[in-house]
Protein backbone atom coordinates (compact mmCIF):
# COMPACT_ATOMS: atom_id res chain seq x y z
CA MET A 1 -52.43 24.07 10.05
CA ASN A 2 -54.37 21.30 11.85
CA ARG A 3 -53.50 19.98 15.25
CA ARG A 4 -51.71 16.94 13.96
CA GLY A 5 -49.53 18.95 11.61
CA PHE A 6 -48.81 21.32 14.56
CA GLN A 7 -47.64 18.42 16.75
CA LEU A 8 -45.37 17.07 14.02
CA THR A 9 -43.82 20.63 13.56
CA LEU A 10 -43.15 20.75 17.28
CA ALA A 11 -41.61 17.30 17.41
CA ALA A 12 -39.27 18.12 14.42
CA ALA A 13 -38.27 21.42 15.96
CA ALA A 14 -37.50 19.59 19.18
CA LEU A 15 -34.96 17.31 17.42
CA VAL A 16 -33.06 20.23 15.90
CA PRO A 17 -31.21 21.19 19.13
CA HIS A 18 -30.08 17.51 19.62
CA ALA A 19 -28.99 17.27 16.08
CA TRP A 20 -27.20 20.52 16.46
CA VAL A 21 -25.49 19.19 19.56
CA ARG A 22 -24.47 15.96 17.98
CA ALA A 23 -22.86 17.88 15.06
CA GLN A 24 -21.06 20.03 17.59
CA GLU A 25 -19.53 17.03 19.55
CA PRO A 26 -15.75 17.23 19.64
CA TRP A 27 -13.96 14.76 17.48
CA PRO A 28 -12.84 12.14 18.29
CA GLY A 29 -14.93 10.97 21.07
CA LYS A 30 -14.15 7.28 20.84
CA PRO A 31 -11.34 4.94 19.45
CA ILE A 32 -10.68 5.21 15.68
CA LYS A 33 -10.60 2.06 13.49
CA VAL A 34 -7.94 1.64 10.79
CA VAL A 35 -9.03 -0.97 8.24
CA LEU A 36 -6.01 -2.88 6.70
CA SER A 37 -6.03 -5.26 3.68
CA GLN A 38 -3.02 -7.28 4.98
CA PRO A 39 -2.75 -9.85 7.87
CA ALA A 40 -1.26 -9.06 11.20
CA GLY A 41 2.44 -9.28 11.25
CA SER A 42 2.78 -8.10 7.58
CA GLY A 43 4.95 -5.11 6.72
CA PRO A 44 1.96 -2.78 6.26
CA ASP A 45 0.46 -3.97 9.55
CA THR A 46 3.74 -3.16 11.35
CA ILE A 47 3.62 0.35 9.90
CA ALA A 48 -0.03 0.92 10.57
CA ARG A 49 0.46 0.07 14.23
CA LEU A 50 3.51 2.29 14.32
CA LEU A 51 1.50 5.08 12.85
CA GLY A 52 -1.45 4.40 15.11
CA ASP A 53 0.56 4.57 18.28
CA GLY A 54 1.94 7.98 17.23
CA LEU A 55 -1.52 9.34 16.22
CA ALA A 56 -3.11 8.17 19.38
CA GLN A 57 -0.88 10.54 21.36
CA SER A 58 -1.53 13.53 19.07
CA ILE A 59 -5.27 12.94 18.37
CA GLY A 60 -6.11 11.78 21.88
CA GLN A 61 -7.86 8.42 21.14
CA PRO A 62 -6.47 4.87 20.52
CA PHE A 63 -6.28 3.65 16.95
CA VAL A 64 -7.50 0.07 16.56
CA ILE A 65 -6.19 -1.81 13.64
CA ASP A 66 -8.74 -3.96 11.86
CA ASN A 67 -6.97 -6.47 9.62
CA LYS A 68 -9.20 -7.74 6.65
CA PRO A 69 -6.74 -9.56 4.37
CA GLY A 70 -7.85 -11.55 1.14
CA GLY A 71 -9.19 -10.96 -2.26
CA GLN A 72 -6.03 -8.91 -3.21
CA ASN A 73 -7.15 -5.81 -1.08
CA VAL A 74 -10.70 -5.98 -2.27
CA ILE A 75 -11.99 -7.30 1.07
CA GLY A 76 -10.40 -4.46 3.12
CA ALA A 77 -11.07 -1.76 0.64
CA GLN A 78 -14.84 -2.87 0.41
CA ALA A 79 -15.11 -2.89 4.11
CA ALA A 80 -13.59 0.69 4.49
CA LYS A 81 -15.84 1.99 1.76
CA GLN A 82 -18.98 0.72 3.53
CA ALA A 83 -18.04 2.22 6.76
CA ALA A 84 -19.89 5.40 8.05
CA PRO A 85 -18.08 8.53 6.99
CA ASP A 86 -18.10 9.82 10.47
CA GLY A 87 -14.30 10.13 11.12
CA TYR A 88 -14.11 6.93 13.06
CA THR A 89 -12.93 4.60 10.19
CA PHE A 90 -9.83 5.07 7.98
CA TYR A 91 -8.23 2.80 5.35
CA PHE A 92 -4.42 2.30 5.39
CA ALA A 93 -4.14 1.44 1.70
CA THR A 94 -1.65 0.27 -0.74
CA THR A 95 -0.89 1.11 -4.41
CA ALA A 96 -2.57 -2.13 -5.48
CA ALA A 97 -5.87 -1.25 -3.51
CA LEU A 98 -5.99 2.40 -4.78
CA VAL A 99 -4.60 2.21 -8.26
CA THR A 100 -3.59 -1.07 -9.92
CA ASN A 101 -6.63 -3.06 -8.99
CA SER A 102 -8.39 -0.72 -11.44
CA TYR A 103 -6.46 -2.23 -14.26
CA LEU A 104 -6.40 -5.74 -13.13
CA PHE A 105 -10.11 -6.45 -12.53
CA ARG A 106 -12.92 -5.98 -14.86
CA THR A 107 -15.23 -5.09 -12.06
CA LEU A 108 -14.50 -3.94 -8.44
CA PRO A 109 -16.98 -3.59 -5.69
CA TYR A 110 -15.37 -0.13 -4.97
CA ASP A 111 -14.23 2.80 -6.98
CA PRO A 112 -10.73 4.07 -5.56
CA LEU A 113 -11.26 7.60 -6.83
CA LYS A 114 -14.93 8.07 -5.91
CA ASP A 115 -15.52 5.96 -2.81
CA PHE A 116 -12.62 7.34 -0.70
CA VAL A 117 -11.32 10.88 0.02
CA PRO A 118 -7.57 11.24 0.16
CA VAL A 119 -6.13 11.99 3.80
CA ALA A 120 -2.32 11.60 3.67
CA PHE A 121 0.52 10.01 1.66
CA VAL A 122 2.62 8.10 4.28
CA ALA A 123 5.46 6.30 2.81
CA ASN A 124 7.18 4.84 -0.44
CA SER A 125 7.55 1.09 -0.25
CA PRO A 126 10.16 -0.09 -2.68
CA PHE A 127 10.10 -3.71 -3.98
CA ALA A 128 13.09 -5.65 -4.65
CA LEU A 129 14.55 -8.62 -6.74
CA LEU A 130 15.83 -11.30 -4.31
CA VAL A 131 17.73 -14.51 -4.36
CA SER A 132 18.65 -16.84 -1.45
CA ALA A 133 21.95 -16.09 0.24
CA ASP A 134 23.57 -19.18 -1.21
CA SER A 135 22.54 -18.60 -4.74
CA PRO A 136 25.26 -18.36 -7.43
CA ILE A 137 23.34 -15.35 -8.90
CA LYS A 138 25.04 -12.23 -7.71
CA SER A 139 23.44 -9.42 -10.00
CA VAL A 140 20.60 -8.55 -12.15
CA ASP A 141 22.76 -9.06 -15.23
CA GLU A 142 23.41 -12.60 -14.01
CA LEU A 143 19.69 -13.16 -13.29
CA ILE A 144 18.82 -12.04 -16.90
CA ALA A 145 21.54 -14.18 -18.45
CA ARG A 146 20.40 -17.21 -16.38
CA SER A 147 16.72 -16.59 -17.57
CA LYS A 148 17.72 -16.39 -21.12
CA ALA A 149 20.00 -19.37 -21.16
CA GLU A 150 17.19 -21.87 -20.46
CA PRO A 151 13.98 -19.96 -21.03
CA GLY A 152 11.12 -20.97 -18.75
CA LYS A 153 13.37 -22.86 -16.32
CA LEU A 154 14.42 -19.95 -13.87
CA SER A 155 11.46 -19.60 -11.57
CA LEU A 156 10.66 -15.95 -10.37
CA ALA A 157 8.26 -16.18 -7.46
CA ASN A 158 5.62 -13.35 -6.93
CA GLU A 159 2.23 -12.87 -5.37
CA GLY A 160 0.48 -13.47 -8.77
CA PRO A 161 -0.22 -11.40 -11.97
CA ARG A 162 -2.84 -9.46 -10.29
CA THR A 163 -0.80 -7.73 -7.74
CA PHE A 164 1.72 -5.09 -7.70
CA GLY A 165 4.63 -7.48 -7.26
CA GLY A 166 3.34 -9.64 -10.07
CA MET A 167 3.21 -6.61 -12.38
CA ILE A 168 6.93 -5.88 -11.53
CA ALA A 169 7.86 -9.59 -12.45
CA ARG A 170 5.99 -9.23 -15.71
CA LEU A 171 7.73 -5.77 -16.36
CA PHE A 172 11.13 -7.40 -15.67
CA ASN A 173 10.41 -10.09 -18.22
CA ALA A 174 9.28 -7.68 -20.81
CA ARG A 175 12.05 -4.99 -20.44
CA ALA A 176 14.83 -7.50 -19.95
CA LYS A 177 13.44 -9.81 -22.68
CA ALA A 178 14.06 -12.46 -20.01
CA GLY A 179 12.50 -15.95 -20.03
CA ALA A 180 11.76 -16.33 -16.36
CA ASN A 181 8.89 -18.61 -15.32
CA LEU A 182 6.57 -16.42 -13.21
CA VAL A 183 5.35 -18.58 -10.28
CA ALA A 184 2.55 -17.11 -8.34
CA TYR A 185 2.16 -17.61 -4.52
CA SER A 186 -0.88 -16.88 -2.44
CA SER A 187 1.29 -15.04 0.18
CA ILE A 188 4.58 -13.50 0.13
CA GLY A 189 5.60 -15.41 3.22
CA THR A 190 5.21 -18.72 1.41
CA GLY A 191 7.25 -17.33 -1.43
CA VAL A 192 10.19 -16.44 0.87
CA GLN A 193 10.16 -19.89 2.47
CA ASP A 194 10.24 -21.58 -0.92
CA LEU A 195 13.06 -19.27 -2.11
CA MET A 196 15.21 -20.13 0.97
CA GLY A 197 14.26 -23.80 0.61
CA GLY A 198 15.56 -23.90 -2.99
CA HIS A 199 12.12 -24.42 -4.68
CA SER A 200 12.40 -21.13 -6.66
CA GLU A 201 15.41 -19.22 -7.76
CA ALA A 202 14.39 -15.64 -7.54
CA LEU A 203 11.66 -13.55 -5.78
CA VAL A 204 10.00 -10.20 -6.26
CA ALA A 205 8.78 -8.77 -2.89
CA ASP A 206 8.45 -5.52 -1.00
CA VAL A 207 11.59 -4.44 1.00
CA ALA A 208 9.48 -4.26 4.13
CA SER A 209 8.50 -7.91 4.11
CA THR A 210 12.03 -9.15 3.46
CA ALA A 211 14.48 -6.57 4.98
CA GLN A 212 15.00 -8.57 8.15
CA LEU A 213 15.95 -11.61 6.36
CA VAL A 214 18.39 -9.72 3.96
CA ARG A 215 20.02 -8.11 7.22
CA GLN A 216 20.25 -11.59 8.69
CA GLY A 217 22.12 -12.79 5.58
CA ARG A 218 19.46 -15.33 4.69
CA LEU A 219 18.33 -13.56 1.50
CA ARG A 220 20.37 -11.41 -1.18
CA MET A 221 18.84 -8.22 -2.63
CA LEU A 222 19.89 -8.00 -6.17
CA ALA A 223 18.02 -4.63 -6.94
CA VAL A 224 15.39 -2.29 -5.75
CA THR A 225 12.70 -1.34 -8.06
CA SER A 226 12.93 2.50 -7.58
CA PRO A 227 14.47 4.54 -10.24
CA LYS A 228 17.40 5.31 -7.88
CA ARG A 229 19.02 3.74 -5.01
CA ILE A 230 17.38 4.13 -1.65
CA ALA A 231 18.50 5.30 1.72
CA GLY A 232 19.53 2.59 3.94
CA TRP A 233 20.27 0.26 1.00
CA ASP A 234 23.04 2.31 -0.72
CA ASN A 235 24.87 -0.75 -1.80
CA VAL A 236 21.92 -2.26 -3.60
CA PRO A 237 21.55 -1.07 -7.27
CA ALA A 238 18.35 0.35 -8.64
CA LEU A 239 16.81 -2.09 -11.28
CA ALA A 240 16.88 1.15 -13.53
CA GLU A 241 20.55 0.92 -13.57
CA THR A 242 20.23 -2.19 -15.74
CA LEU A 243 16.72 -1.55 -17.17
CA PRO A 244 16.47 2.19 -17.81
CA GLY A 245 13.08 3.88 -16.98
CA VAL A 246 11.87 1.08 -14.46
CA ASP A 247 10.00 2.78 -11.66
CA MET A 248 7.74 0.52 -9.70
CA VAL A 249 7.69 1.75 -6.11
CA GLY A 250 4.78 0.95 -4.03
CA TRP A 251 3.46 3.20 -1.44
CA LEU A 252 1.24 3.37 1.69
CA ALA A 253 -1.36 6.15 2.30
CA VAL A 254 -4.39 6.86 4.41
CA VAL A 255 -7.87 7.54 2.91
CA ALA A 256 -11.30 7.76 4.49
CA PRO A 257 -14.76 6.90 3.23
CA ALA A 258 -16.20 9.45 0.87
CA GLY A 259 -18.28 12.10 2.90
CA THR A 260 -15.87 12.21 5.79
CA PRO A 261 -16.15 15.79 7.12
CA GLU A 262 -13.21 17.93 5.72
CA PRO A 263 -12.11 19.35 9.24
CA ILE A 264 -11.57 15.71 10.34
CA VAL A 265 -9.55 14.93 7.23
CA THR A 266 -7.62 18.15 7.70
CA ARG A 267 -6.69 17.16 11.31
CA MET A 268 -5.69 13.62 10.47
CA ASN A 269 -3.60 14.93 7.68
CA ALA A 270 -1.90 17.32 9.97
CA GLY A 271 -1.29 14.52 12.65
CA ILE A 272 0.38 12.21 10.07
CA ASN A 273 2.43 14.95 8.50
CA SER A 274 3.83 15.88 11.89
CA MET A 275 4.91 12.39 12.41
CA LEU A 276 6.43 12.22 8.93
CA ALA A 277 8.50 15.31 9.77
CA ASN A 278 9.78 13.72 12.90
CA PRO A 279 13.32 12.23 12.28
CA ALA A 280 12.79 9.50 14.77
CA PHE A 281 9.58 8.29 13.08
CA ALA A 282 11.24 8.27 9.76
CA GLU A 283 14.12 6.23 11.13
CA LYS A 284 11.67 3.53 12.64
CA LEU A 285 10.00 3.42 9.19
CA LEU A 286 13.20 3.03 7.35
CA ALA A 287 14.33 0.15 9.77
CA ILE A 288 11.15 -1.59 8.55
CA GLY A 289 11.73 -0.97 4.84
CA PRO A 290 9.57 1.91 3.63
CA ILE A 291 10.85 5.44 3.33
CA ALA A 292 8.78 8.41 4.90
CA ALA A 293 7.08 10.53 2.27
CA PRO A 294 7.65 14.40 2.43
CA PRO A 295 4.38 15.84 3.99
CA GLN A 296 1.57 16.46 1.50
CA SER A 297 -1.77 18.09 1.89
CA PRO A 298 -4.81 16.01 0.97
CA GLN A 299 -5.06 18.01 -2.38
CA GLN A 300 -1.46 17.12 -3.25
CA PHE A 301 -2.00 13.55 -2.50
CA ASP A 302 -5.06 13.49 -4.65
CA ALA A 303 -3.20 14.87 -7.67
CA PHE A 304 -0.35 12.17 -7.03
CA LEU A 305 -3.10 9.55 -6.93
CA ARG A 306 -4.57 10.53 -10.18
CA GLY A 307 -1.12 10.70 -11.91
CA GLU A 308 -0.37 7.12 -10.63
CA HIS A 309 -3.53 6.01 -12.24
CA ARG A 310 -2.42 7.33 -15.56
CA ARG A 311 1.20 6.02 -15.22
CA LEU A 312 0.52 2.53 -14.04
CA GLY A 313 -2.39 2.12 -16.49
CA GLN A 314 0.05 2.60 -19.19
CA ILE A 315 2.48 0.00 -17.76
CA ALA A 316 -0.52 -2.45 -17.35
CA ALA A 317 -1.04 -1.90 -21.04
CA GLU A 318 2.64 -2.37 -22.00
CA ILE A 319 2.94 -5.81 -20.31
CA GLY A 320 -0.35 -7.04 -21.87
CA LEU A 321 -2.20 -7.28 -18.47
CA LEU A 322 -5.89 -7.21 -19.25
CA PRO A 323 -8.47 -6.91 -16.55
CA GLU A 324 -10.40 -10.07 -15.64
């Protein structure tokens, strides 16, 4: 070996201890970022902050919420995908981001199954069919009858066909053979305001975004989109009681950029599962709208995620929703 080669070998060897030290540095050594595809103040944002506050105590570092709304979850998902897989960035994701976008868009700048590793399933987030408090419509049957009486006249507000709520609206029309006019809104907040202002007659929205208004008596919940009635809303029928087989529950989960070290994923999973098993945390979640999920391992969540891809892909085909 010549002198130059020997010097390079020594230099490389000198770097090894430093690399080894870096690899052994305890995690976490700095604040952890949680990317979110929804704006501040939204239902998922409130839940992510609640989760982050609890994790900060058990993990030992603050969790910083990074809101990146827009593009129907694409902006946030892409930002999370591009983050370094070092355990300092996680993605608080929805059903739309991790499943239904795959069937709504011809191309996506991320692959939900390849670009992320499952960390923890957090909560089920039911959707609901709602009307304003002063609406003469008191039940799903009345809503269907009203839509059939004058096809195309009853307006059913939603966040658009390429959203989870939009899929529910289309499934409602298909299963009920209803004639509702599906009106897309850029945000659920605008849809709620128009519903209360009398500019639309019904709305599909997640329970978390509308629960407070229902409790205040400003909106009426006709049905939840889960296959059975849900805790905390026992007097509200499931849509499946009128339209058997309907099961359109959104959910919230934590994933990490592909390549995130398994020990970090395992520790995050344990921290989240510990919170889910705490009745006080479950009660706080339920007050917002979502239902705490039973603790799952990353492997169990991965199996669930793949099952949701098959199931919701079939529903997208049933309602004729082709990717664009």
